[in-house]
Protein backbone atom coordinates (compact mmCIF):
# COMPACT_ATOMS: atom_id res chain seq x y z
CA MET A 1 113.35 32.66 -20.59
CA PRO A 2 110.11 30.64 -20.90
CA VAL A 3 107.14 32.53 -19.44
CA LEU A 4 104.60 29.71 -19.18
CA PRO A 5 106.63 27.47 -16.83
CA ARG A 6 107.22 30.43 -14.49
CA LEU A 7 103.53 31.28 -14.57
CA ARG A 8 102.60 27.70 -13.78
CA ILE A 9 105.03 27.54 -10.85
CA ARG A 10 103.75 30.81 -9.38
CA SER A 11 100.09 29.83 -9.90
CA GLU A 12 100.50 26.45 -8.22
CA ASP A 13 102.28 28.06 -5.30
CA TRP A 14 99.55 30.69 -4.92
CA LEU A 15 96.83 28.03 -4.87
CA ARG A 16 98.75 25.99 -2.31
CA HIS A 17 99.15 28.89 0.11
CA SER A 18 96.23 31.21 -0.65
CA ARG A 19 94.00 31.74 2.37
CA LEU A 20 91.10 32.22 -0.04
CA ALA A 21 91.76 28.92 -1.81
CA ARG A 22 92.21 27.04 1.46
CA SER A 23 89.00 28.51 2.86
CA ALA A 24 87.08 27.58 -0.30
CA LEU A 25 88.39 23.99 -0.17
CA CYS A 26 87.47 23.78 3.52
CA ARG A 27 83.91 24.91 2.77
CA TYR A 28 83.66 22.41 -0.09
CA LYS A 29 84.70 19.57 2.21
CA ALA A 30 82.20 20.78 4.80
CA LEU A 31 79.38 20.59 2.25
CA LYS A 32 80.34 16.99 1.46
CA ASP A 33 80.43 15.97 5.12
CA SER A 34 77.50 14.04 6.55
CA PRO A 35 77.08 11.97 9.72
CA PRO A 36 78.16 8.36 9.12
CA ALA A 37 76.10 5.36 10.09
CA ARG A 38 76.33 4.52 13.79
CA ASP A 39 77.00 0.86 13.07
CA ASP A 40 79.92 1.48 10.67
CA PRO A 41 83.14 2.18 12.65
CA GLN A 42 85.20 2.40 9.44
CA ALA A 43 82.92 5.11 8.04
CA ILE A 44 83.06 6.99 11.34
CA ALA A 45 86.85 6.85 11.37
CA ARG A 46 86.90 8.00 7.73
CA SER A 47 84.70 10.96 8.59
CA ILE A 48 87.04 11.92 11.47
CA ALA A 49 90.00 11.87 9.08
CA GLN A 50 88.11 14.09 6.64
CA LEU A 51 87.14 16.53 9.39
CA CYS A 52 90.79 16.73 10.46
CA ALA A 53 91.73 17.65 6.89
CA MET A 54 89.14 20.43 7.09
CA ALA A 55 90.63 21.68 10.36
CA ARG A 56 94.10 21.86 8.79
CA LEU A 57 92.69 23.95 5.94
CA SER A 58 90.78 26.34 8.17
CA ASN A 59 92.02 29.93 8.42
CA CYS A 60 89.45 30.99 11.02
CA ASP A 61 89.66 30.01 14.68
CA SER A 62 85.89 29.99 15.16
CA ALA A 63 85.47 27.71 12.14
CA MET A 64 88.21 25.43 13.45
CA ARG A 65 86.50 25.23 16.84
CA ALA A 66 83.25 24.23 15.13
CA ILE A 67 85.07 21.48 13.25
CA GLU A 68 86.71 20.32 16.50
CA ARG A 69 83.29 20.03 18.15
CA THR A 70 82.07 17.88 15.28
CA ILE A 71 85.22 15.71 15.57
CA ASP A 72 84.45 15.23 19.29
CA LYS A 73 80.92 14.07 18.44
CA ARG A 74 82.26 11.57 15.89
CA ILE A 75 84.77 10.24 18.43
CA ASP A 76 81.89 9.75 20.89
CA LEU A 77 79.98 8.02 18.11
CA LEU A 78 82.92 5.71 17.46
CA ASP A 79 82.99 4.89 21.18
CA GLY A 80 86.23 2.93 20.98
CA ALA A 81 84.95 0.49 18.35
CA PRO A 82 87.77 -1.17 16.37
CA PHE A 83 88.40 -0.23 12.74
CA ASP A 84 91.08 -0.84 10.14
CA TRP A 85 93.89 1.69 10.66
CA ASN A 86 95.57 0.54 7.45
CA GLU A 87 93.22 2.77 5.47
CA PHE A 88 94.80 5.82 7.09
CA VAL A 89 98.35 4.85 8.09
CA PRO A 90 100.73 2.80 5.92
CA MET A 91 102.57 0.01 7.76
CA VAL A 92 100.54 0.62 10.92
CA ASN A 93 100.96 -3.02 11.95
CA GLU A 94 104.75 -2.72 11.84
CA ARG A 95 105.92 -3.42 15.40
CA ARG A 96 109.23 -1.57 15.08
CA MET A 97 109.75 2.13 15.79
CA GLU A 98 112.80 3.70 14.15
CA LYS A 99 112.14 7.22 15.44
CA ALA A 100 111.80 6.64 19.16
CA VAL A 101 114.11 6.50 22.16
CA VAL A 102 113.93 5.57 25.84
CA LEU A 103 114.79 8.65 27.91
CA LYS A 104 114.44 7.03 31.29
CA PRO A 105 114.31 3.35 32.26
CA TRP A 106 111.54 1.83 34.31
CA ILE A 107 112.68 2.05 37.95
CA SER A 108 109.79 0.73 40.02
CA GLU A 109 106.01 0.78 40.32
CA ARG A 110 106.44 4.23 41.92
CA GLU A 111 108.83 5.56 39.26
CA LYS A 112 107.97 4.93 35.63
CA GLY A 113 110.23 5.15 32.62
CA VAL A 114 109.89 7.71 29.82
CA VAL A 115 109.63 6.91 26.09
CA PHE A 116 109.97 9.63 23.44
CA ILE A 117 108.36 9.04 20.02
CA SER A 118 108.56 11.36 17.02
CA TYR A 119 106.00 11.57 14.19
CA ASP A 120 102.41 10.47 14.54
CA THR A 121 102.82 7.53 12.14
CA GLN A 122 105.30 6.10 14.66
CA TRP A 123 103.11 6.74 17.72
CA ILE A 124 100.22 4.80 16.27
CA ARG A 125 102.35 1.68 15.76
CA LEU A 126 102.73 1.51 19.52
CA LEU A 127 99.18 2.53 20.41
CA VAL A 128 97.40 -0.06 18.23
CA ASN A 129 99.84 -2.97 18.57
CA ALA A 130 100.48 -3.11 22.33
CA ASP A 131 98.49 -3.28 25.55
CA MET A 132 98.37 0.41 26.43
CA LYS A 133 96.83 -0.11 29.87
CA GLU A 134 99.82 -2.21 30.90
CA PHE A 135 102.29 0.01 29.04
CA ALA A 136 101.03 3.08 30.93
CA LYS A 137 101.80 1.36 34.23
CA ARG A 138 105.49 1.25 33.31
CA TYR A 139 106.14 4.17 30.93
CA THR A 140 105.20 7.78 30.36
CA LEU A 141 104.85 8.86 26.72
CA VAL A 142 106.30 12.00 25.15
CA PHE A 143 105.21 12.64 21.56
CA SER A 144 106.61 15.01 18.95
CA PRO A 145 104.22 16.04 16.13
CA ALA A 146 105.38 16.75 12.60
CA TRP A 147 103.10 19.53 11.39
CA CYS A 148 100.93 22.44 12.46
CA PRO A 149 98.01 22.49 12.95
CA PRO A 150 98.26 18.99 14.44
CA HIS A 151 94.74 17.77 13.67
CA SER A 152 94.83 14.22 12.30
CA ILE A 153 92.95 11.02 12.98
CA ILE A 154 96.02 9.88 14.93
CA THR A 155 96.32 12.91 17.21
CA CYS A 156 92.56 13.02 17.76
CA LEU A 157 92.23 9.33 18.69
CA SER A 158 95.53 8.81 20.54
CA PRO A 159 94.19 10.14 23.87
CA ALA A 160 91.39 7.59 23.70
CA LEU A 161 93.92 4.79 23.20
CA PHE A 162 96.32 5.73 26.00
CA PRO A 163 94.89 5.87 29.55
CA ASP A 164 97.39 8.36 31.03
CA PRO A 165 98.27 11.95 30.10
CA ILE A 166 100.35 12.29 26.93
CA PHE A 167 103.12 14.89 26.95
CA THR A 168 103.53 16.42 23.51
CA LEU A 169 106.04 18.78 21.96
CA VAL A 170 104.71 21.36 19.49
CA SER A 171 105.43 22.23 15.87
CA ASN A 172 104.26 25.79 16.31
CA GLU A 173 103.41 27.95 19.30
CA LYS A 174 99.76 27.71 18.22
CA ASP A 175 99.88 24.02 19.15
CA LEU A 176 100.02 25.05 22.80
CA VAL A 177 96.38 26.05 22.29
CA TYR A 178 95.36 23.36 19.80
CA PHE A 179 96.41 20.25 21.72
CA PRO A 180 94.39 20.94 24.92
CA ARG A 181 91.40 21.63 22.68
CA ILE A 182 91.85 18.28 20.93
CA SER A 183 91.95 16.50 24.29
CA SER A 184 92.47 17.38 27.93
CA ASN A 185 94.64 14.26 28.05
CA TYR A 186 97.38 16.14 26.16
CA ILE A 187 99.94 18.11 28.14
CA PRO A 188 101.73 20.38 25.65
CA VAL A 189 105.42 21.07 26.26
CA PRO A 190 106.80 24.40 24.92
CA LEU A 191 109.56 22.74 22.89
CA PHE A 192 109.92 22.01 19.16
CA ALA A 193 111.57 19.24 17.16
CA SER A 194 114.13 21.98 16.46
CA SER A 195 114.87 22.35 20.18
CA TRP A 196 117.21 19.33 20.28
CA VAL A 197 120.20 20.35 18.19
CA ASN A 198 123.55 19.51 19.78
CA PRO A 199 125.90 22.53 19.53
CA GLN A 200 128.90 20.18 19.67
CA TRP A 201 128.22 19.16 16.06
CA TYR A 202 129.04 22.63 14.74
CA THR A 203 132.36 24.48 14.60
CA PRO A 204 131.83 28.13 13.64
CA VAL A 205 134.50 29.73 11.45
CA PRO A 206 135.64 33.38 11.44
CA PHE A 207 133.45 35.51 9.22
CA GLU A 208 136.33 36.36 6.88
CA ARG A 209 136.68 32.64 6.08
CA LYS A 210 133.05 32.19 5.08
CA ASP A 211 133.03 31.45 1.35
CA ILE A 212 129.30 30.79 0.78
CA ASP A 213 126.94 33.76 0.61
CA ILE A 214 123.61 31.91 0.78
CA PHE A 215 123.01 28.36 2.00
CA MET A 216 119.70 26.52 1.82
CA LEU A 217 119.22 23.07 3.35
CA ALA A 218 115.89 21.58 2.29
CA ASN A 219 114.41 18.51 0.70
CA PHE A 220 113.05 18.93 -2.83
CA ALA A 221 109.34 18.96 -1.95
CA LYS A 222 107.28 21.83 -3.39
CA TYR A 223 106.45 23.31 0.01
CA LYS A 224 110.16 24.18 0.46
CA ARG A 225 109.75 26.68 -2.42
CA HIS A 226 113.22 26.65 -3.97
CA TRP A 227 111.75 28.53 -6.93
CA VAL A 228 111.53 31.67 -4.80
CA LEU A 229 115.33 31.74 -4.51
CA PHE A 230 115.75 30.99 -8.22
CA ASP A 231 113.52 33.98 -8.97
CA ALA A 232 115.36 36.24 -6.50
CA LEU A 233 118.74 35.37 -8.03
CA ARG A 234 117.71 37.23 -11.19
CA ASP A 235 117.92 40.48 -9.17
CA MET A 236 121.21 39.66 -7.47
CA PRO A 237 124.83 40.10 -8.66
CA ASP A 238 126.39 37.14 -10.45
CA SER A 239 129.11 37.15 -7.79
CA VAL A 240 126.70 35.87 -5.08
CA ARG A 241 127.71 32.31 -4.18
CA VAL A 242 124.81 29.96 -3.44
CA LEU A 243 124.87 26.38 -2.15
CA LEU A 244 121.82 24.11 -2.01
CA ILE A 245 121.89 20.78 -0.19
CA GLY A 246 118.93 18.43 -0.11
CA GLN A 247 117.43 15.12 -1.04
CA ALA A 248 114.59 13.79 -3.12
CA ASP A 249 111.17 13.84 -1.51
CA THR A 250 108.12 13.88 -3.75
CA ARG A 251 110.43 15.43 -6.37
CA THR A 252 113.93 14.80 -7.66
CA GLN A 253 117.03 16.81 -8.48
CA ASP A 254 115.81 17.02 -12.08
CA ASP A 255 112.56 18.67 -10.99
CA LEU A 256 114.53 21.28 -9.06
CA LEU A 257 116.81 22.05 -11.99
CA ALA A 258 113.82 22.35 -14.30
CA GLU A 259 112.42 25.04 -12.01
CA ALA A 260 115.73 26.88 -12.06
CA ARG A 261 115.77 26.79 -15.85
CA ALA A 262 112.31 28.36 -15.90
CA PHE A 263 113.82 31.39 -14.18
CA GLY A 264 117.08 31.33 -16.14
CA THR A 265 119.22 30.83 -13.03
CA GLN A 266 120.22 27.17 -13.40
CA ASP A 267 123.92 28.16 -13.45
CA ARG A 268 123.78 30.43 -10.41
CA PHE A 269 124.14 27.86 -7.63
CA GLU A 270 125.82 24.61 -6.61
CA LEU A 271 123.53 21.68 -5.79
CA VAL A 272 124.59 18.76 -3.60
CA VAL A 273 122.28 15.76 -3.21
CA ASN A 274 122.31 13.45 -0.17
CA ALA A 275 125.32 15.07 1.48
CA PRO A 276 126.74 13.35 4.59
CA ASP A 277 126.18 15.05 7.94
CA GLN A 278 129.70 16.44 8.21
CA GLN A 279 129.38 18.19 4.85
CA VAL A 280 126.10 19.75 5.99
CA PHE A 281 127.65 20.94 9.26
CA GLU A 282 130.55 22.52 7.39
CA ALA A 283 128.25 24.17 4.84
CA PHE A 284 126.25 25.85 7.60
CA SER A 285 129.48 27.18 9.15
CA ARG A 286 130.88 28.40 5.82
CA ALA A 287 127.73 30.35 4.93
CA LYS A 288 127.20 34.03 5.64
CA ILE A 289 123.43 33.55 5.75
CA SER A 290 120.96 30.72 5.35
CA VAL A 291 117.37 30.91 4.14
CA ILE A 292 114.11 29.08 4.76
CA LEU A 293 111.56 29.91 2.07
CA SER A 294 108.60 27.69 2.99
CA ARG A 295 105.43 29.42 4.10
CA ARG A 296 104.04 26.58 6.18
CA GLU A 297 105.59 23.46 7.69
CA GLY A 298 106.51 21.99 11.06
CA SER A 299 109.21 23.38 13.31
CA CYS A 300 112.05 23.25 10.70
CA VAL A 301 115.21 21.99 12.40
CA ALA A 302 117.45 23.70 9.82
CA VAL A 303 116.75 27.06 11.47
CA ALA A 304 118.34 25.95 14.74
CA GLU A 305 121.17 24.11 12.98
CA SER A 306 122.15 27.30 11.17
CA MET A 307 122.18 29.27 14.40
CA PHE A 308 124.52 26.82 16.13
CA ALA A 309 126.88 27.19 13.17
CA ASN A 310 126.75 30.93 13.91
CA THR A 311 125.00 31.65 10.63
CA PRO A 312 121.97 33.96 10.77
CA VAL A 313 118.72 32.81 9.18
CA GLY A 314 116.28 34.58 6.87
CA ILE A 315 112.63 33.54 7.06
CA PHE A 316 109.44 35.14 5.73
CA GLU A 317 107.69 37.38 8.24
CA ASP A 318 104.35 35.57 7.82
CA ALA A 319 105.75 32.02 7.72
CA GLU A 320 103.81 29.48 9.78
CA ILE A 321 106.91 27.64 10.96
CA GLY A 322 107.63 26.80 14.58
CA SER A 323 111.27 27.93 14.55
CA ARG A 324 110.11 31.38 13.47
CA ALA A 325 110.00 31.93 17.25
CA PHE A 326 113.84 31.76 17.27
CA ILE A 327 114.32 34.75 14.95
CA ASN A 328 115.35 37.98 16.65
CA GLU A 329 117.84 40.80 16.18
CA ARG A 330 120.72 38.48 17.16
CA THR A 331 119.78 35.40 15.15
CA GLY A 332 118.39 36.47 11.79
CA ARG A 333 116.01 38.54 9.74
CA PHE A 334 112.35 38.48 8.74
CA LEU A 335 111.90 38.77 4.99
CA LYS A 336 109.13 40.30 2.91
CA HIS A 337 107.89 38.66 -0.27
CA ARG A 338 108.54 41.66 -2.55
CA ASN A 339 112.07 42.55 -3.69
CA LEU A 340 113.54 39.45 -2.08
CA GLY A 341 116.78 39.65 -4.09
CA ARG A 342 117.53 43.13 -2.79
CA GLN A 343 116.76 42.05 0.79
CA LEU A 344 119.09 39.06 0.57
CA VAL A 345 121.95 41.22 -0.73
CA ASP A 346 121.43 43.56 2.24
CA PHE A 347 121.28 40.58 4.59
CA ILE A 348 124.59 39.23 3.26
CA ASN A 349 126.24 42.63 3.66
CA GLU A 350 125.04 42.88 7.29
CA ALA A 351 125.59 39.23 8.24
CA GLN A 352 128.68 39.88 10.33
CA ARG A 353 126.74 41.85 12.97
CA TYR A 354 124.61 38.84 14.05
CA SER A 355 125.54 36.43 16.86
CA PRO A 356 123.11 33.51 16.53
CA ARG A 357 125.20 30.81 18.22
CA GLU A 358 125.51 32.72 21.47
CA TRP A 359 121.74 33.17 21.66
CA ALA A 360 121.08 29.56 20.62
CA GLU A 361 123.38 28.11 23.29
CA GLN A 362 121.60 30.18 25.91
CA ASN A 363 118.09 29.24 24.79
CA ILE A 364 117.59 26.21 22.51
CA SER A 365 120.38 23.65 22.84
CA CYS A 366 119.53 19.98 23.40
CA PHE A 367 120.99 20.30 26.90
CA ARG A 368 118.72 23.18 27.88
CA SER A 369 115.68 21.56 26.25
CA THR A 370 116.29 18.29 28.08
CA LYS A 371 116.28 20.19 31.38
CA THR A 372 113.02 21.91 30.43
CA LEU A 373 111.33 18.61 29.56
CA ASN A 374 112.75 16.93 32.67
CA ASP A 375 111.44 19.69 34.95
CA ILE A 376 107.95 19.46 33.44
CA LEU A 377 107.84 15.67 33.76
CA LYS A 378 109.23 15.70 37.29
CA LYS A 379 106.73 18.30 38.50
CA HIS A 380 103.81 16.36 37.06
CA MET A 381 104.94 12.98 38.39
CA LEU A 382 105.55 14.28 41.91
CA ALA A 383 102.15 15.97 41.91
CA ALA A 384 100.60 12.66 40.84
CA GLY A 385 102.19 10.85 43.79
CA GLN A 386 104.99 9.23 41.78
CA GLU A 387 108.68 9.29 42.71
CA TRP A 388 111.38 11.03 40.67
CA LYS A 389 114.85 9.98 41.78
CA GLN A 390 116.37 9.69 38.32
CA ASP A 391 116.30 12.36 35.59
CA ILE A 392 115.84 11.73 31.87
CA ALA A 393 118.91 11.38 29.66
CA VAL A 394 119.99 14.19 27.33
CA LEU A 395 118.21 13.91 23.98
CA GLN A 396 119.53 15.08 20.62
CA TRP A 397 117.92 14.94 17.18
CA ARG A 398 119.83 14.27 13.94
CA PRO A 399 118.01 13.06 11.94
CA ASP A 400 116.12 10.94 14.46
CA PRO A 401 115.89 11.20 18.27
CA GLN A 402 118.86 9.65 20.06
CA LEU A 403 120.78 9.96 23.31
CA VAL A 404 123.90 12.12 23.54
CA ASP A 405 125.83 10.01 26.05
CA SER A 406 126.79 6.41 25.27
CA THR A 407 126.72 5.66 29.02
CA ASN A 408 123.04 6.57 29.08
CA ARG A 409 122.41 4.37 26.07
CA ALA A 410 123.74 1.40 28.01
CA ARG A 411 121.56 2.37 30.98
CA MET A 412 118.43 2.09 28.81
CA GLU A 413 119.17 -1.38 27.41
CA SER A 414 117.02 -3.16 30.00
CA SER A 415 114.01 -1.03 29.08
CA TYR A 416 114.43 -1.70 25.35
CA ASP A 417 114.44 -5.41 26.19
CA ASP A 418 111.49 -4.96 28.55
CA ILE A 419 109.36 -3.18 25.92
CA GLN A 420 110.12 -5.82 23.30
CA THR A 421 109.48 -8.75 25.64
CA ARG A 422 106.35 -7.44 27.37
CA PHE A 423 104.69 -5.55 24.54
CA GLY A 424 106.17 -6.94 21.31
CA ILE A 425 107.44 -3.52 20.24
CA GLU A 426 111.02 -3.08 19.04
CA ILE A 427 112.53 0.40 19.41
CA ARG A 428 115.60 1.03 17.25
CA ARG A 429 118.61 1.35 19.55
CA SER A 430 120.60 4.49 18.81
């Protein structure tokens, strides 16, 4: 087996996730930072974006706080002056949002509607292309971030663009601390993007009928770290059956297979590209265990999906992933980086003792999460002197936010029309 390709893969991965390397890059960016000219809004905005990149690299809370204070000063320096968002967000002037949904229609001046928007690049399309003062009179916003930590020019400037409080989901429990520090206008909600899986999509099968030992659902980006499984397979029996399902991201199927060849395990798994939803649901149910091998990402919906299929999940013990909060003695196992192959064999052999679906139905289904969000919104609105006679509709997420009940979809039609007519923003109707 070729040694140099393996060494390159491991070295790149170490640099990407090394706390030392991240800290050094953060310090380098800090040395390059200097206050922009007061009369150059574009330069000020650019400096805010660069400071946000520093905050995402920071491994130290005190250093992050110092960066946040500098970001606040730059926002004050910007003082609401217009700048060209196109430098930072592709297609920012697009007036259509594909990843949004109306959860509650506008009822009256005393009872506003609720609009849910996922991903910051979608939020900003609304915030810069519509009259937010008028929008806030009719609708409450609920955002869902994509990554942790959430520092970006969008998340840092959004509170200045929207006059009312912004309710935001989190990608990691740490976001419950980060968002109020970014702005007091944020009201963090203790729910993840992975909190909206509909259990009705999954039909668990008896353990004796499970014919896949290890299942991994992940796009082909480097941060998903497929190579770790390819390496671990070298220490596992040839009889272990592995299924990978994913789609091209920054890399293709060929890139993934090249990595497998570097470890000599290219014939040890089945790879399916762009599988339809039903095939993914069935794969989760057929698997004895599933694995998430990334060290840092957002909430990772695949963790919850696996649990509703009654398949326990393995995740690294130090992974900075929101759904790590779902792992317990009933739902899965924390993995160490050394001797991974041996751990996965043990996990497969013990898989039958877990009961992830039961726990997931009790704690993280889309129905339970909708109630949690509804209760938080209702409490806030009543305290603010608003009325709350109608609850939000049940939200599910696959692969974009949508309503569970077709009756509720029809109930929201007038608000979709209202938003397009009044504000020139088209929300894709699910």
